[in-house]
Amino acid sequence: MGTRSDINAILAALKSSNVIAVDINSYSVGAGIKGAQLNGVSIRIKFL
């Protein structure tokens, strides 16, 4: 699903060790990566 503000991926990563976040917009993927880093869950999320 679209990462948009990445909140769904971050919330999922807080409950799980492996999350896949998908978006066709490269800006959204970049924002998702930054958001995951700021929230300390980037190691748990794979952005596509």
PDB file of N, CA and C in Angstrom:
ATOM      1  N   MET A   1       0.842  -1.176   0.000  1.00  0.00           N
ATOM      2  CA  MET A   1       0.000   0.000   0.000  1.00  0.00           C
ATOM      3  C   MET A   1       0.880   1.229   0.000  1.00  0.00           C
ATOM      4  N   GLY A   2       0.355   2.369  -0.322  1.00  0.00           N
ATOM      5  CA  GLY A   2       1.143   3.592  -0.369  1.00  0.00           C
ATOM      6  C   GLY A   2       1.701   3.956   0.997  1.00  0.00           C
ATOM      7  N   THR A   3       2.958   4.389   1.035  1.00  0.00           N
ATOM      8  CA  THR A   3       3.582   4.735   2.316  1.00  0.00           C
ATOM      9  C   THR A   3       3.115   6.085   2.831  1.00  0.00           C
ATOM     10  N   ARG A   4       2.827   7.005   1.933  1.00  0.00           N
ATOM     11  CA  ARG A   4       2.389   8.361   2.290  1.00  0.00           C
ATOM     12  C   ARG A   4       3.205   8.928   3.436  1.00  0.00           C
ATOM     13  N   SER A   5       2.615   9.098   4.587  1.00  0.00           N
ATOM     14  CA  SER A   5       3.333   9.666   5.725  1.00  0.00           C
ATOM     15  C   SER A   5       4.074   8.590   6.501  1.00  0.00           C
ATOM     16  N   ASP A   6       4.030   7.369   6.046  1.00  0.00           N
ATOM     17  CA  ASP A   6       4.722   6.223   6.616  1.00  0.00           C
ATOM     18  C   ASP A   6       4.211   5.783   7.984  1.00  0.00           C
ATOM     19  N   ILE A   7       3.171   6.388   8.491  1.00  0.00           N
ATOM     20  CA  ILE A   7       2.692   6.076   9.833  1.00  0.00           C
ATOM     21  C   ILE A   7       2.239   4.621   9.957  1.00  0.00           C
ATOM     22  N   ASN A   8       1.615   4.079   8.922  1.00  0.00           N
ATOM     23  CA  ASN A   8       1.168   2.686   8.994  1.00  0.00           C
ATOM     24  C   ASN A   8       2.349   1.731   9.088  1.00  0.00           C
ATOM     25  N   ALA A   9       3.399   1.994   8.325  1.00  0.00           N
ATOM     26  CA  ALA A   9       4.593   1.150   8.378  1.00  0.00           C
ATOM     27  C   ALA A   9       5.274   1.270   9.735  1.00  0.00           C
ATOM     28  N   ILE A  10       5.344   2.475  10.277  1.00  0.00           N
ATOM     29  CA  ILE A  10       5.975   2.678  11.581  1.00  0.00           C
ATOM     30  C   ILE A  10       5.179   1.969  12.676  1.00  0.00           C
ATOM     31  N   LEU A  11       3.875   2.115  12.660  1.00  0.00           N
ATOM     32  CA  LEU A  11       3.040   1.441  13.662  1.00  0.00           C
ATOM     33  C   LEU A  11       3.170  -0.076  13.557  1.00  0.00           C
ATOM     34  N   ALA A  12       3.204  -0.585  12.329  1.00  0.00           N
ATOM     35  CA  ALA A  12       3.374  -2.027  12.143  1.00  0.00           C
ATOM     36  C   ALA A  12       4.740  -2.479  12.659  1.00  0.00           C
ATOM     37  N   ALA A  13       5.778  -1.671  12.415  1.00  0.00           N
ATOM     38  CA  ALA A  13       7.131  -2.023  12.858  1.00  0.00           C
ATOM     39  C   ALA A  13       7.259  -2.021  14.374  1.00  0.00           C
ATOM     40  N   LEU A  14       6.431  -1.249  15.043  1.00  0.00           N
ATOM     41  CA  LEU A  14       6.454  -1.249  16.510  1.00  0.00           C
ATOM     42  C   LEU A  14       5.913  -2.562  17.075  1.00  0.00           C
ATOM     43  N   LYS A  15       5.120  -3.281  16.273  1.00  0.00           N
ATOM     44  CA  LYS A  15       4.520  -4.543  16.705  1.00  0.00           C
ATOM     45  C   LYS A  15       5.160  -5.767  16.070  1.00  0.00           C
ATOM     46  N   SER A  16       5.944  -5.572  15.017  1.00  0.00           N
ATOM     47  CA  SER A  16       6.499  -6.687  14.255  1.00  0.00           C
ATOM     48  C   SER A  16       7.978  -6.442  13.966  1.00  0.00           C
ATOM     49  N   SER A  17       8.686  -7.493  13.647  1.00  0.00           N
ATOM     50  CA  SER A  17      10.116  -7.339  13.351  1.00  0.00           C
ATOM     51  C   SER A  17      10.385  -7.136  11.863  1.00  0.00           C
ATOM     52  N   ASN A  18       9.415  -7.441  11.005  1.00  0.00           N
ATOM     53  CA  ASN A  18       9.592  -7.300   9.556  1.00  0.00           C
ATOM     54  C   ASN A  18       8.367  -6.660   8.929  1.00  0.00           C
ATOM     55  N   VAL A  19       8.580  -5.532   8.249  1.00  0.00           N
ATOM     56  CA  VAL A  19       7.492  -4.816   7.588  1.00  0.00           C
ATOM     57  C   VAL A  19       7.962  -4.443   6.185  1.00  0.00           C
ATOM     58  N   ILE A  20       7.069  -4.537   5.207  1.00  0.00           N
ATOM     59  CA  ILE A  20       7.360  -4.093   3.853  1.00  0.00           C
ATOM     60  C   ILE A  20       6.411  -2.939   3.535  1.00  0.00           C
ATOM     61  N   ALA A  21       6.993  -1.799   3.133  1.00  0.00           N
ATOM     62  CA  ALA A  21       6.205  -0.626   2.764  1.00  0.00           C
ATOM     63  C   ALA A  21       6.437  -0.352   1.282  1.00  0.00           C
ATOM     64  N   VAL A  22       5.355  -0.126   0.537  1.00  0.00           N
ATOM     65  CA  VAL A  22       5.443   0.032  -0.915  1.00  0.00           C
ATOM     66  C   VAL A  22       4.757   1.325  -1.347  1.00  0.00           C
ATOM     67  N   ASP A  23       5.399   2.034  -2.284  1.00  0.00           N
ATOM     68  CA  ASP A  23       4.779   3.211  -2.886  1.00  0.00           C
ATOM     69  C   ASP A  23       5.384   3.412  -4.267  1.00  0.00           C
ATOM     70  N   ILE A  24       4.626   3.932  -5.214  1.00  0.00           N
ATOM     71  CA  ILE A  24       5.161   4.193  -6.553  1.00  0.00           C
ATOM     72  C   ILE A  24       5.817   5.570  -6.635  1.00  0.00           C
ATOM     73  N   ASN A  25       5.594   6.403  -5.648  1.00  0.00           N
ATOM     74  CA  ASN A  25       6.153   7.744  -5.616  1.00  0.00           C
ATOM     75  C   ASN A  25       7.475   7.726  -4.856  1.00  0.00           C
ATOM     76  N   SER A  26       8.576   8.029  -5.537  1.00  0.00           N
ATOM     77  CA  SER A  26       9.896   7.964  -4.902  1.00  0.00           C
ATOM     78  C   SER A  26      10.046   8.978  -3.768  1.00  0.00           C
ATOM     79  N   TYR A  27       9.366  10.125  -3.858  1.00  0.00           N
ATOM     80  CA  TYR A  27       9.402  11.103  -2.780  1.00  0.00           C
ATOM     81  C   TYR A  27       8.770  10.521  -1.511  1.00  0.00           C
ATOM     82  N   SER A  28       7.664   9.812  -1.665  1.00  0.00           N
ATOM     83  CA  SER A  28       6.999   9.188  -0.520  1.00  0.00           C
ATOM     84  C   SER A  28       7.865   8.116   0.117  1.00  0.00           C
ATOM     85  N   VAL A  29       8.566   7.355  -0.710  1.00  0.00           N
ATOM     86  CA  VAL A  29       9.467   6.329  -0.183  1.00  0.00           C
ATOM     87  C   VAL A  29      10.591   6.998   0.611  1.00  0.00           C
ATOM     88  N   GLY A  30      11.157   8.075   0.078  1.00  0.00           N
ATOM     89  CA  GLY A  30      12.208   8.809   0.784  1.00  0.00           C
ATOM     90  C   GLY A  30      11.725   9.376   2.105  1.00  0.00           C
ATOM     91  N   ALA A  31      10.522   9.924   2.103  1.00  0.00           N
ATOM     92  CA  ALA A  31       9.944  10.456   3.334  1.00  0.00           C
ATOM     93  C   ALA A  31       9.687   9.333   4.333  1.00  0.00           C
ATOM     94  N   GLY A  32       9.275   8.182   3.832  1.00  0.00           N
ATOM     95  CA  GLY A  32       9.046   7.025   4.700  1.00  0.00           C
ATOM     96  C   GLY A  32      10.320   6.546   5.358  1.00  0.00           C
ATOM     97  N   ILE A  33      11.397   6.507   4.594  1.00  0.00           N
ATOM     98  CA  ILE A  33      12.690   6.093   5.142  1.00  0.00           C
ATOM     99  C   ILE A  33      13.127   7.058   6.239  1.00  0.00           C
ATOM    100  N   LYS A  34      13.002   8.351   5.983  1.00  0.00           N
ATOM    101  CA  LYS A  34      13.385   9.370   6.971  1.00  0.00           C
ATOM    102  C   LYS A  34      12.529   9.252   8.233  1.00  0.00           C
ATOM    103  N   GLY A  35      11.228   9.066   8.061  1.00  0.00           N
ATOM    104  CA  GLY A  35      10.337   8.920   9.206  1.00  0.00           C
ATOM    105  C   GLY A  35      10.665   7.690  10.043  1.00  0.00           C
ATOM    106  N   ALA A  36      10.989   6.600   9.363  1.00  0.00           N
ATOM    107  CA  ALA A  36      11.358   5.370  10.073  1.00  0.00           C
ATOM    108  C   ALA A  36      12.655   5.567  10.857  1.00  0.00           C
ATOM    109  N   GLN A  37      13.603   6.287  10.261  1.00  0.00           N
ATOM    110  CA  GLN A  37      14.862   6.573  10.964  1.00  0.00           C
ATOM    111  C   GLN A  37      14.612   7.427  12.198  1.00  0.00           C
ATOM    112  N   LEU A  38      13.789   8.444  12.057  1.00  0.00           N
ATOM    113  CA  LEU A  38      13.490   9.334  13.186  1.00  0.00           C
ATOM    114  C   LEU A  38      12.769   8.613  14.318  1.00  0.00           C
ATOM    115  N   ASN A  39      12.027   7.555  13.976  1.00  0.00           N
ATOM    116  CA  ASN A  39      11.278   6.806  14.979  1.00  0.00           C
ATOM    117  C   ASN A  39      11.992   5.546  15.442  1.00  0.00           C
ATOM    118  N   GLY A  40      13.206   5.331  14.965  1.00  0.00           N
ATOM    119  CA  GLY A  40      14.020   4.215  15.429  1.00  0.00           C
ATOM    120  C   GLY A  40      13.562   2.836  14.975  1.00  0.00           C
ATOM    121  N   VAL A  41      12.853   2.760  13.865  1.00  0.00           N
ATOM    122  CA  VAL A  41      12.369   1.466  13.377  1.00  0.00           C
ATOM    123  C   VAL A  41      12.829   1.156  11.953  1.00  0.00           C
ATOM    124  N   SER A  42      13.795   1.904  11.446  1.00  0.00           N
ATOM    125  CA  SER A  42      14.214   1.720  10.050  1.00  0.00           C
ATOM    126  C   SER A  42      14.784   0.335   9.778  1.00  0.00           C
ATOM    127  N   ILE A  43      15.376  -0.290  10.772  1.00  0.00           N
ATOM    128  CA  ILE A  43      15.939  -1.631  10.595  1.00  0.00           C
ATOM    129  C   ILE A  43      14.841  -2.690  10.368  1.00  0.00           C
ATOM    130  N   ARG A  44      13.624  -2.369  10.789  1.00  0.00           N
ATOM    131  CA  ARG A  44      12.510  -3.319  10.687  1.00  0.00           C
ATOM    132  C   ARG A  44      11.680  -3.154   9.425  1.00  0.00           C
ATOM    133  N   ILE A  45      11.886  -2.056   8.681  1.00  0.00           N
ATOM    134  CA  ILE A  45      11.052  -1.768   7.520  1.00  0.00           C
ATOM    135  C   ILE A  45      11.865  -1.817   6.240  1.00  0.00           C
ATOM    136  N   LYS A  46      11.348  -2.536   5.254  1.00  0.00           N
ATOM    137  CA  LYS A  46      11.942  -2.548   3.921  1.00  0.00           C
ATOM    138  C   LYS A  46      11.038  -1.734   3.014  1.00  0.00           C
ATOM    139  N   PHE A  47      11.568  -0.662   2.454  1.00  0.00           N
ATOM    140  CA  PHE A  47      10.793   0.205   1.571  1.00  0.00           C
ATOM    141  C   PHE A  47      11.037  -0.176   0.126  1.00  0.00           C
ATOM    142  N   LEU A  48       9.970  -0.338  -0.642  1.00  0.00           N
ATOM    143  CA  LEU A  48      10.064  -0.679  -2.070  1.00  0.00           C
ATOM    144  C   LEU A  48       9.445   0.422  -2.893  1.00  0.00           C
TER     145      LEU A  48
END
